[in-house]
Amino acid sequence: AARVLAALGEFDRPPPVRLLLERAEASRAALK
């Protein structure tokens, strides 16, 4: 989940769910 949060900070605008999880190499459970 921390990796997802860190990856979110790399985007200028809200990213699509799929793109964010690919960048963070995480699953939807981490987003939940």
Full PDB file with SEQRES, HELIX, SHEET, SSBOND, CRYST1, ORIGX, SCALE, CONECT and MASTER records, all heavy atoms in Angstrom:
SEQRES   1 A   32  ALA ALA ARG VAL LEU ALA ALA LEU GLY GLU PHE ASP ARG          
SEQRES   2 A   32  PRO PRO PRO VAL ARG LEU LEU LEU GLU ARG ALA GLU ALA          
SEQRES   3 A   32  SER ARG ALA ALA LEU LYS                                      
HELIX    1 AA1 ALA A    2  LEU A    8  1                                   7    
HELIX    2 AA2 VAL A   17  ALA A   24  1                                   8    
HELIX    3 AA3 ARG A   28  LEU A   31  1                                   4    
CRYST1    1.000    1.000    1.000  90.00  90.00  90.00 P 1           1          
ORIGX1      1.000000  0.000000  0.000000        0.00000                         
ORIGX2      0.000000  1.000000  0.000000        0.00000                         
ORIGX3      0.000000  0.000000  1.000000        0.00000                         
SCALE1      1.000000  0.000000  0.000000        0.00000                         
SCALE2      0.000000  1.000000  0.000000        0.00000                         
SCALE3      0.000000  0.000000  1.000000        0.00000                         
ATOM      1  N   ALA A   1       0.837  -1.206   0.000  1.00  0.00           N  
ATOM      2  CA  ALA A   1       0.000   0.000   0.000  1.00  0.00           C  
ATOM      3  C   ALA A   1       0.869   1.253   0.000  1.00  0.00           C  
ATOM      4  O   ALA A   1       0.552   2.249  -0.664  1.00  0.00           O  
ATOM      5  CB  ALA A   1      -0.932  -0.014   1.208  1.00  0.00           C  
ATOM      6  N   ALA A   2       2.001   1.202   0.746  1.00  0.00           N  
ATOM      7  CA  ALA A   2       2.915   2.346   0.775  1.00  0.00           C  
ATOM      8  C   ALA A   2       3.518   2.585  -0.605  1.00  0.00           C  
ATOM      9  O   ALA A   2       3.712   3.737  -1.024  1.00  0.00           O  
ATOM     10  CB  ALA A   2       4.019   2.097   1.809  1.00  0.00           C  
ATOM     11  N   ARG A   3       3.812   1.477  -1.333  1.00  0.00           N  
ATOM     12  CA  ARG A   3       4.344   1.629  -2.695  1.00  0.00           C  
ATOM     13  C   ARG A   3       3.320   2.293  -3.613  1.00  0.00           C  
ATOM     14  O   ARG A   3       3.669   3.125  -4.444  1.00  0.00           O  
ATOM     15  CB  ARG A   3       4.729   0.257  -3.268  1.00  0.00           C  
ATOM     16  CG  ARG A   3       6.031  -0.296  -2.732  1.00  0.00           C  
ATOM     17  CD  ARG A   3       6.722  -1.188  -3.768  1.00  0.00           C  
ATOM     18  NE  ARG A   3       5.868  -2.198  -4.352  1.00  0.00           N  
ATOM     19  CZ  ARG A   3       5.713  -3.437  -3.870  1.00  0.00           C  
ATOM     20  NH1 ARG A   3       6.359  -3.797  -2.756  1.00  0.00           N  
ATOM     21  NH2 ARG A   3       4.924  -4.300  -4.474  1.00  0.00           N  
ATOM     22  N   VAL A   4       2.067   1.911  -3.447  1.00  0.00           N  
ATOM     23  CA  VAL A   4       1.007   2.526  -4.257  1.00  0.00           C  
ATOM     24  C   VAL A   4       0.919   4.019  -3.958  1.00  0.00           C  
ATOM     25  O   VAL A   4       0.796   4.855  -4.863  1.00  0.00           O  
ATOM     26  CB  VAL A   4      -0.351   1.829  -3.997  1.00  0.00           C  
ATOM     27  CG1 VAL A   4      -1.483   2.592  -4.697  1.00  0.00           C  
ATOM     28  CG2 VAL A   4      -0.316   0.383  -4.455  1.00  0.00           C  
ATOM     29  N   LEU A   5       1.004   4.386  -2.692  1.00  0.00           N  
ATOM     30  CA  LEU A   5       0.920   5.788  -2.289  1.00  0.00           C  
ATOM     31  C   LEU A   5       2.099   6.588  -2.852  1.00  0.00           C  
ATOM     32  O   LEU A   5       1.939   7.722  -3.316  1.00  0.00           O  
ATOM     33  CB  LEU A   5       0.884   5.881  -0.766  1.00  0.00           C  
ATOM     34  CG  LEU A   5       0.243   7.147  -0.161  1.00  0.00           C  
ATOM     35  CD1 LEU A   5      -1.199   7.292  -0.651  1.00  0.00           C  
ATOM     36  CD2 LEU A   5       0.291   7.088   1.356  1.00  0.00           C  
ATOM     37  N   ALA A   6       3.286   5.965  -2.822  1.00  0.00           N  
ATOM     38  CA  ALA A   6       4.466   6.639  -3.365  1.00  0.00           C  
ATOM     39  C   ALA A   6       4.340   6.823  -4.873  1.00  0.00           C  
ATOM     40  O   ALA A   6       4.686   7.878  -5.430  1.00  0.00           O  
ATOM     41  CB  ALA A   6       5.730   5.836  -3.028  1.00  0.00           C  
ATOM     42  N   ALA A   7       3.829   5.799  -5.551  1.00  0.00           N  
ATOM     43  CA  ALA A   7       3.649   5.893  -7.011  1.00  0.00           C  
ATOM     44  C   ALA A   7       2.620   6.948  -7.371  1.00  0.00           C  
ATOM     45  O   ALA A   7       2.746   7.638  -8.391  1.00  0.00           O  
ATOM     46  CB  ALA A   7       3.231   4.536  -7.568  1.00  0.00           C  
ATOM     47  N   LEU A   8       1.595   7.108  -6.531  1.00  0.00           N  
ATOM     48  CA  LEU A   8       0.558   8.104  -6.783  1.00  0.00           C  
ATOM     49  C   LEU A   8       1.153   9.519  -6.823  1.00  0.00           C  
ATOM     50  O   LEU A   8       0.713  10.383  -7.590  1.00  0.00           O  
ATOM     51  CB  LEU A   8      -0.530   8.008  -5.712  1.00  0.00           C  
ATOM     52  CG  LEU A   8      -1.751   8.929  -5.852  1.00  0.00           C  
ATOM     53  CD1 LEU A   8      -2.456   8.694  -7.178  1.00  0.00           C  
ATOM     54  CD2 LEU A   8      -2.712   8.699  -4.690  1.00  0.00           C  
ATOM     55  N   GLY A   9       2.179   9.734  -5.987  1.00  0.00           N  
ATOM     56  CA  GLY A   9       2.820  11.054  -5.953  1.00  0.00           C  
ATOM     57  C   GLY A   9       3.611  11.389  -7.202  1.00  0.00           C  
ATOM     58  O   GLY A   9       4.012  12.543  -7.398  1.00  0.00           O  
ATOM     59  N   GLU A  10       3.839  10.414  -8.085  1.00  0.00           N  
ATOM     60  CA  GLU A  10       4.604  10.650  -9.300  1.00  0.00           C  
ATOM     61  C   GLU A  10       3.742  11.178 -10.450  1.00  0.00           C  
ATOM     62  O   GLU A  10       4.275  11.570 -11.486  1.00  0.00           O  
ATOM     63  CB  GLU A  10       5.283   9.347  -9.746  1.00  0.00           C  
ATOM     64  CG  GLU A  10       6.297   8.809  -8.732  1.00  0.00           C  
ATOM     65  CD  GLU A  10       6.836   7.449  -9.145  1.00  0.00           C  
ATOM     66  OE1 GLU A  10       6.545   7.018 -10.292  1.00  0.00           O  
ATOM     67  OE2 GLU A  10       7.545   6.822  -8.339  1.00  0.00           O  
ATOM     68  N   PHE A  11       2.424  11.173 -10.256  1.00  0.00           N  
ATOM     69  CA  PHE A  11       1.523  11.626 -11.319  1.00  0.00           C  
ATOM     70  C   PHE A  11       1.092  13.068 -11.076  1.00  0.00           C  
ATOM     71  O   PHE A  11       0.841  13.463  -9.933  1.00  0.00           O  
ATOM     72  CB  PHE A  11       0.285  10.723 -11.391  1.00  0.00           C  
ATOM     73  CG  PHE A  11       0.571   9.322 -11.874  1.00  0.00           C  
ATOM     74  CD1 PHE A  11       0.878   8.305 -10.974  1.00  0.00           C  
ATOM     75  CD2 PHE A  11       0.538   9.020 -13.224  1.00  0.00           C  
ATOM     76  CE1 PHE A  11       1.135   7.027 -11.408  1.00  0.00           C  
ATOM     77  CE2 PHE A  11       0.787   7.739 -13.678  1.00  0.00           C  
ATOM     78  CZ  PHE A  11       1.093   6.727 -12.767  1.00  0.00           C  
ATOM     79  N   ASP A  12       0.963  13.842 -12.181  1.00  0.00           N  
ATOM     80  CA  ASP A  12       0.495  15.229 -12.074  1.00  0.00           C  
ATOM     81  C   ASP A  12      -1.019  15.307 -11.889  1.00  0.00           C  
ATOM     82  O   ASP A  12      -1.529  16.274 -11.350  1.00  0.00           O  
ATOM     83  CB  ASP A  12       0.881  16.018 -13.332  1.00  0.00           C  
ATOM     84  CG  ASP A  12       2.387  16.176 -13.471  1.00  0.00           C  
ATOM     85  OD1 ASP A  12       3.060  16.210 -12.422  1.00  0.00           O  
ATOM     86  OD2 ASP A  12       2.876  16.239 -14.612  1.00  0.00           O  
ATOM     87  N   ARG A  13      -1.722  14.301 -12.366  1.00  0.00           N  
ATOM     88  CA  ARG A  13      -3.179  14.279 -12.257  1.00  0.00           C  
ATOM     89  C   ARG A  13      -3.603  12.888 -11.786  1.00  0.00           C  
ATOM     90  O   ARG A  13      -2.813  11.945 -11.873  1.00  0.00           O  
ATOM     91  CB  ARG A  13      -3.831  14.618 -13.600  1.00  0.00           C  
ATOM     92  CG  ARG A  13      -3.607  13.607 -14.677  1.00  0.00           C  
ATOM     93  CD  ARG A  13      -4.502  13.888 -15.878  1.00  0.00           C  
ATOM     94  NE  ARG A  13      -3.916  14.861 -16.770  1.00  0.00           N  
ATOM     95  CZ  ARG A  13      -4.518  15.309 -17.857  1.00  0.00           C  
ATOM     96  NH1 ARG A  13      -5.736  14.901 -18.152  1.00  0.00           N  
ATOM     97  NH2 ARG A  13      -3.940  16.167 -18.652  1.00  0.00           N  
ATOM     98  N   PRO A  14      -4.839  12.728 -11.292  1.00  0.00           N  
ATOM     99  CA  PRO A  14      -5.275  11.413 -10.822  1.00  0.00           C  
ATOM    100  C   PRO A  14      -5.118  10.356 -11.909  1.00  0.00           C  
ATOM    101  O   PRO A  14      -5.696  10.481 -12.994  1.00  0.00           O  
ATOM    102  CB  PRO A  14      -6.753  11.636 -10.463  1.00  0.00           C  
ATOM    103  CG  PRO A  14      -6.840  13.080 -10.132  1.00  0.00           C  
ATOM    104  CD  PRO A  14      -5.865  13.766 -11.038  1.00  0.00           C  
ATOM    105  N   PRO A  15      -4.342   9.294 -11.662  1.00  0.00           N  
ATOM    106  CA  PRO A  15      -4.101   8.284 -12.692  1.00  0.00           C  
ATOM    107  C   PRO A  15      -5.176   7.205 -12.695  1.00  0.00           C  
ATOM    108  O   PRO A  15      -5.839   6.954 -11.681  1.00  0.00           O  
ATOM    109  CB  PRO A  15      -2.756   7.686 -12.270  1.00  0.00           C  
ATOM    110  CG  PRO A  15      -2.780   7.790 -10.775  1.00  0.00           C  
ATOM    111  CD  PRO A  15      -3.549   9.039 -10.445  1.00  0.00           C  
ATOM    112  N   PRO A  16      -5.350   6.522 -13.836  1.00  0.00           N  
ATOM    113  CA  PRO A  16      -6.249   5.365 -13.865  1.00  0.00           C  
ATOM    114  C   PRO A  16      -5.758   4.278 -12.905  1.00  0.00           C  
ATOM    115  O   PRO A  16      -4.552   4.124 -12.683  1.00  0.00           O  
ATOM    116  CB  PRO A  16      -6.165   4.889 -15.319  1.00  0.00           C  
ATOM    117  CG  PRO A  16      -5.686   6.072 -16.095  1.00  0.00           C  
ATOM    118  CD  PRO A  16      -4.810   6.840 -15.167  1.00  0.00           C  
ATOM    119  N   VAL A  17      -6.698   3.517 -12.356  1.00  0.00           N  
ATOM    120  CA  VAL A  17      -6.365   2.473 -11.388  1.00  0.00           C  
ATOM    121  C   VAL A  17      -5.348   1.495 -11.969  1.00  0.00           C  
ATOM    122  O   VAL A  17      -4.331   1.176 -11.332  1.00  0.00           O  
ATOM    123  CB  VAL A  17      -7.651   1.718 -10.957  1.00  0.00           C  
ATOM    124  CG1 VAL A  17      -7.296   0.467 -10.158  1.00  0.00           C  
ATOM    125  CG2 VAL A  17      -8.557   2.631 -10.144  1.00  0.00           C  
ATOM    126  N   ARG A  18      -5.603   1.021 -13.187  1.00  0.00           N  
ATOM    127  CA  ARG A  18      -4.720   0.019 -13.784  1.00  0.00           C  
ATOM    128  C   ARG A  18      -3.297   0.543 -13.923  1.00  0.00           C  
ATOM    129  O   ARG A  18      -2.315  -0.141 -13.583  1.00  0.00           O  
ATOM    130  CB  ARG A  18      -5.272  -0.379 -15.162  1.00  0.00           C  
ATOM    131  CG  ARG A  18      -4.422  -1.405 -15.902  1.00  0.00           C  
ATOM    132  CD  ARG A  18      -4.972  -1.654 -17.297  1.00  0.00           C  
ATOM    133  NE  ARG A  18      -5.099  -0.422 -18.066  1.00  0.00           N  
ATOM    134  CZ  ARG A  18      -4.071   0.188 -18.667  1.00  0.00           C  
ATOM    135  NH1 ARG A  18      -2.856  -0.313 -18.558  1.00  0.00           N  
ATOM    136  NH2 ARG A  18      -4.261   1.297 -19.346  1.00  0.00           N  
ATOM    137  N   LEU A  19      -3.157   1.800 -14.396  1.00  0.00           N  
ATOM    138  CA  LEU A  19      -1.825   2.377 -14.597  1.00  0.00           C  
ATOM    139  C   LEU A  19      -1.085   2.545 -13.275  1.00  0.00           C  
ATOM    140  O   LEU A  19       0.121   2.273 -13.165  1.00  0.00           O  
ATOM    141  CB  LEU A  19      -1.956   3.719 -15.315  1.00  0.00           C  
ATOM    142  CG  LEU A  19      -0.655   4.424 -15.707  1.00  0.00           C  
ATOM    143  CD1 LEU A  19       0.155   3.565 -16.660  1.00  0.00           C  
ATOM    144  CD2 LEU A  19      -0.962   5.774 -16.343  1.00  0.00           C  
ATOM    145  N   LEU A  20      -1.804   2.968 -12.231  1.00  0.00           N  
ATOM    146  CA  LEU A  20      -1.175   3.157 -10.925  1.00  0.00           C  
ATOM    147  C   LEU A  20      -0.668   1.838 -10.354  1.00  0.00           C  
ATOM    148  O   LEU A  20       0.470   1.761  -9.850  1.00  0.00           O  
ATOM    149  CB  LEU A  20      -2.177   3.803  -9.960  1.00  0.00           C  
ATOM    150  CG  LEU A  20      -1.693   3.977  -8.516  1.00  0.00           C  
ATOM    151  CD1 LEU A  20      -0.499   4.927  -8.446  1.00  0.00           C  
ATOM    152  CD2 LEU A  20      -2.836   4.471  -7.628  1.00  0.00           C  
ATOM    153  N   LEU A  21      -1.481   0.798 -10.455  1.00  0.00           N  
ATOM    154  CA  LEU A  21      -1.074  -0.499  -9.901  1.00  0.00           C  
ATOM    155  C   LEU A  21       0.091  -1.104 -10.685  1.00  0.00           C  
ATOM    156  O   LEU A  21       0.962  -1.754 -10.117  1.00  0.00           O  
ATOM    157  CB  LEU A  21      -2.262  -1.461  -9.884  1.00  0.00           C  
ATOM    158  CG  LEU A  21      -3.414  -1.060  -8.952  1.00  0.00           C  
ATOM    159  CD1 LEU A  21      -4.560  -2.059  -9.038  1.00  0.00           C  
ATOM    160  CD2 LEU A  21      -2.932  -0.943  -7.504  1.00  0.00           C  
ATOM    161  N   GLU A  22       0.122  -0.850 -11.995  1.00  0.00           N  
ATOM    162  CA  GLU A  22       1.266  -1.317 -12.779  1.00  0.00           C  
ATOM    163  C   GLU A  22       2.542  -0.605 -12.345  1.00  0.00           C  
ATOM    164  O   GLU A  22       3.606  -1.225 -12.219  1.00  0.00           O  
ATOM    165  CB  GLU A  22       1.013  -1.073 -14.275  1.00  0.00           C  
ATOM    166  CG  GLU A  22       0.041  -2.048 -14.908  1.00  0.00           C  
ATOM    167  CD  GLU A  22      -0.212  -1.727 -16.363  1.00  0.00           C  
ATOM    168  OE1 GLU A  22       0.414  -0.759 -16.878  1.00  0.00           O  
ATOM    169  OE2 GLU A  22      -1.039  -2.414 -16.994  1.00  0.00           O  
ATOM    170  N   ARG A  23       2.446   0.702 -12.126  1.00  0.00           N  
ATOM    171  CA  ARG A  23       3.618   1.480 -11.717  1.00  0.00           C  
ATOM    172  C   ARG A  23       4.128   1.020 -10.349  1.00  0.00           C  
ATOM    173  O   ARG A  23       5.336   0.947 -10.112  1.00  0.00           O  
ATOM    174  CB  ARG A  23       3.246   2.981 -11.677  1.00  0.00           C  
ATOM    175  CG  ARG A  23       4.361   3.912 -11.238  1.00  0.00           C  
ATOM    176  CD  ARG A  23       5.389   4.132 -12.332  1.00  0.00           C  
ATOM    177  NE  ARG A  23       4.809   4.740 -13.505  1.00  0.00           N  
ATOM    178  CZ  ARG A  23       4.695   6.070 -13.682  1.00  0.00           C  
ATOM    179  NH1 ARG A  23       5.138   6.892 -12.741  1.00  0.00           N  
ATOM    180  NH2 ARG A  23       4.175   6.559 -14.792  1.00  0.00           N  
ATOM    181  N   ALA A  24       3.195   0.723  -9.427  1.00  0.00           N  
ATOM    182  CA  ALA A  24       3.584   0.335  -8.061  1.00  0.00           C  
ATOM    183  C   ALA A  24       3.866  -1.155  -7.930  1.00  0.00           C  
ATOM    184  O   ALA A  24       4.331  -1.606  -6.866  1.00  0.00           O  
ATOM    185  CB  ALA A  24       2.474   0.735  -7.084  1.00  0.00           C  
ATOM    186  N   GLU A  25       3.566  -1.936  -9.005  1.00  0.00           N  
ATOM    187  CA  GLU A  25       3.712  -3.389  -8.962  1.00  0.00           C  
ATOM    188  C   GLU A  25       2.967  -3.955  -7.748  1.00  0.00           C  
ATOM    189  O   GLU A  25       3.513  -4.694  -6.912  1.00  0.00           O  
ATOM    190  CB  GLU A  25       5.193  -3.786  -8.921  1.00  0.00           C  
ATOM    191  CG  GLU A  25       5.956  -3.376 -10.170  1.00  0.00           C  
ATOM    192  CD  GLU A  25       7.418  -3.776 -10.115  1.00  0.00           C  
ATOM    193  OE1 GLU A  25       7.887  -4.225  -9.046  1.00  0.00           O  
ATOM    194  OE2 GLU A  25       8.109  -3.646 -11.145  1.00  0.00           O  
ATOM    195  N   ALA A  26       1.699  -3.573  -7.657  1.00  0.00           N  
ATOM    196  CA  ALA A  26       0.869  -3.985  -6.522  1.00  0.00           C  
ATOM    197  C   ALA A  26      -0.477  -4.479  -7.027  1.00  0.00           C  
ATOM    198  O   ALA A  26      -0.817  -4.335  -8.208  1.00  0.00           O  
ATOM    199  CB  ALA A  26       0.694  -2.823  -5.548  1.00  0.00           C  
ATOM    200  N   SER A  27      -1.260  -5.048  -6.126  1.00  0.00           N  
ATOM    201  CA  SER A  27      -2.575  -5.578  -6.475  1.00  0.00           C  
ATOM    202  C   SER A  27      -3.664  -4.628  -5.997  1.00  0.00           C  
ATOM    203  O   SER A  27      -3.401  -3.659  -5.280  1.00  0.00           O  
ATOM    204  CB  SER A  27      -2.765  -6.951  -5.823  1.00  0.00           C  
ATOM    205  OG  SER A  27      -2.787  -6.804  -4.410  1.00  0.00           O  
ATOM    206  N   ARG A  28      -4.907  -4.948  -6.364  1.00  0.00           N  
ATOM    207  CA  ARG A  28      -6.036  -4.124  -5.930  1.00  0.00           C  
ATOM    208  C   ARG A  28      -6.238  -4.192  -4.421  1.00  0.00           C  
ATOM    209  O   ARG A  28      -6.818  -3.282  -3.834  1.00  0.00           O  
ATOM    210  CB  ARG A  28      -7.312  -4.565  -6.656  1.00  0.00           C  
ATOM    211  CG  ARG A  28      -7.303  -4.181  -8.127  1.00  0.00           C  
ATOM    212  CD  ARG A  28      -8.602  -4.524  -8.823  1.00  0.00           C  
ATOM    213  NE  ARG A  28      -8.564  -4.120 -10.215  1.00  0.00           N  
ATOM    214  CZ  ARG A  28      -8.958  -2.926 -10.676  1.00  0.00           C  
ATOM    215  NH1 ARG A  28      -9.446  -2.035  -9.831  1.00  0.00           N  
ATOM    216  NH2 ARG A  28      -8.901  -2.656 -11.960  1.00  0.00           N  
ATOM    217  N   ALA A  29      -5.751  -5.266  -3.802  1.00  0.00           N  
ATOM    218  CA  ALA A  29      -5.875  -5.364  -2.341  1.00  0.00           C  
ATOM    219  C   ALA A  29      -5.125  -4.229  -1.654  1.00  0.00           C  
ATOM    220  O   ALA A  29      -5.594  -3.668  -0.649  1.00  0.00           O  
ATOM    221  CB  ALA A  29      -5.338  -6.714  -1.870  1.00  0.00           C  
ATOM    222  N   ALA A  30      -3.953  -3.860  -2.204  1.00  0.00           N  
ATOM    223  CA  ALA A  30      -3.188  -2.751  -1.626  1.00  0.00           C  
ATOM    224  C   ALA A  30      -3.956  -1.439  -1.741  1.00  0.00           C  
ATOM    225  O   ALA A  30      -3.948  -0.608  -0.829  1.00  0.00           O  
ATOM    226  CB  ALA A  30      -1.832  -2.652  -2.322  1.00  0.00           C  
ATOM    227  N   LEU A  31      -4.673  -1.272  -2.865  1.00  0.00           N  
ATOM    228  CA  LEU A  31      -5.470  -0.068  -3.056  1.00  0.00           C  
ATOM    229  C   LEU A  31      -6.651  -0.037  -2.095  1.00  0.00           C  
ATOM    230  O   LEU A  31      -7.018   1.022  -1.564  1.00  0.00           O  
ATOM    231  CB  LEU A  31      -5.954  -0.012  -4.514  1.00  0.00           C  
ATOM    232  CG  LEU A  31      -6.521   1.307  -5.013  1.00  0.00           C  
ATOM    233  CD1 LEU A  31      -5.526   2.441  -4.859  1.00  0.00           C  
ATOM    234  CD2 LEU A  31      -6.940   1.179  -6.472  1.00  0.00           C  
ATOM    235  N   LYS A  32      -7.226  -1.198  -1.850  1.00  0.00           N  
ATOM    236  CA  LYS A  32      -8.331  -1.282  -0.888  1.00  0.00           C  
ATOM    237  C   LYS A  32      -7.868  -0.855   0.507  1.00  0.00           C  
ATOM    238  O   LYS A  32      -8.592  -0.200   1.246  1.00  0.00           O  
ATOM    239  CB  LYS A  32      -8.878  -2.715  -0.844  1.00  0.00           C  
ATOM    240  CG  LYS A  32      -9.684  -3.118  -2.067  1.00  0.00           C  
ATOM    241  CD  LYS A  32     -11.032  -2.436  -2.056  1.00  0.00           C  
ATOM    242  CE  LYS A  32     -11.900  -2.909  -3.215  1.00  0.00           C  
ATOM    243  NZ  LYS A  32     -13.164  -2.127  -3.276  1.00  0.00           N  
TER     244      LYS A  32                                                      
MASTER        0    0    0    3    0    0    0    6  243    1    0    3          
END                                                                             
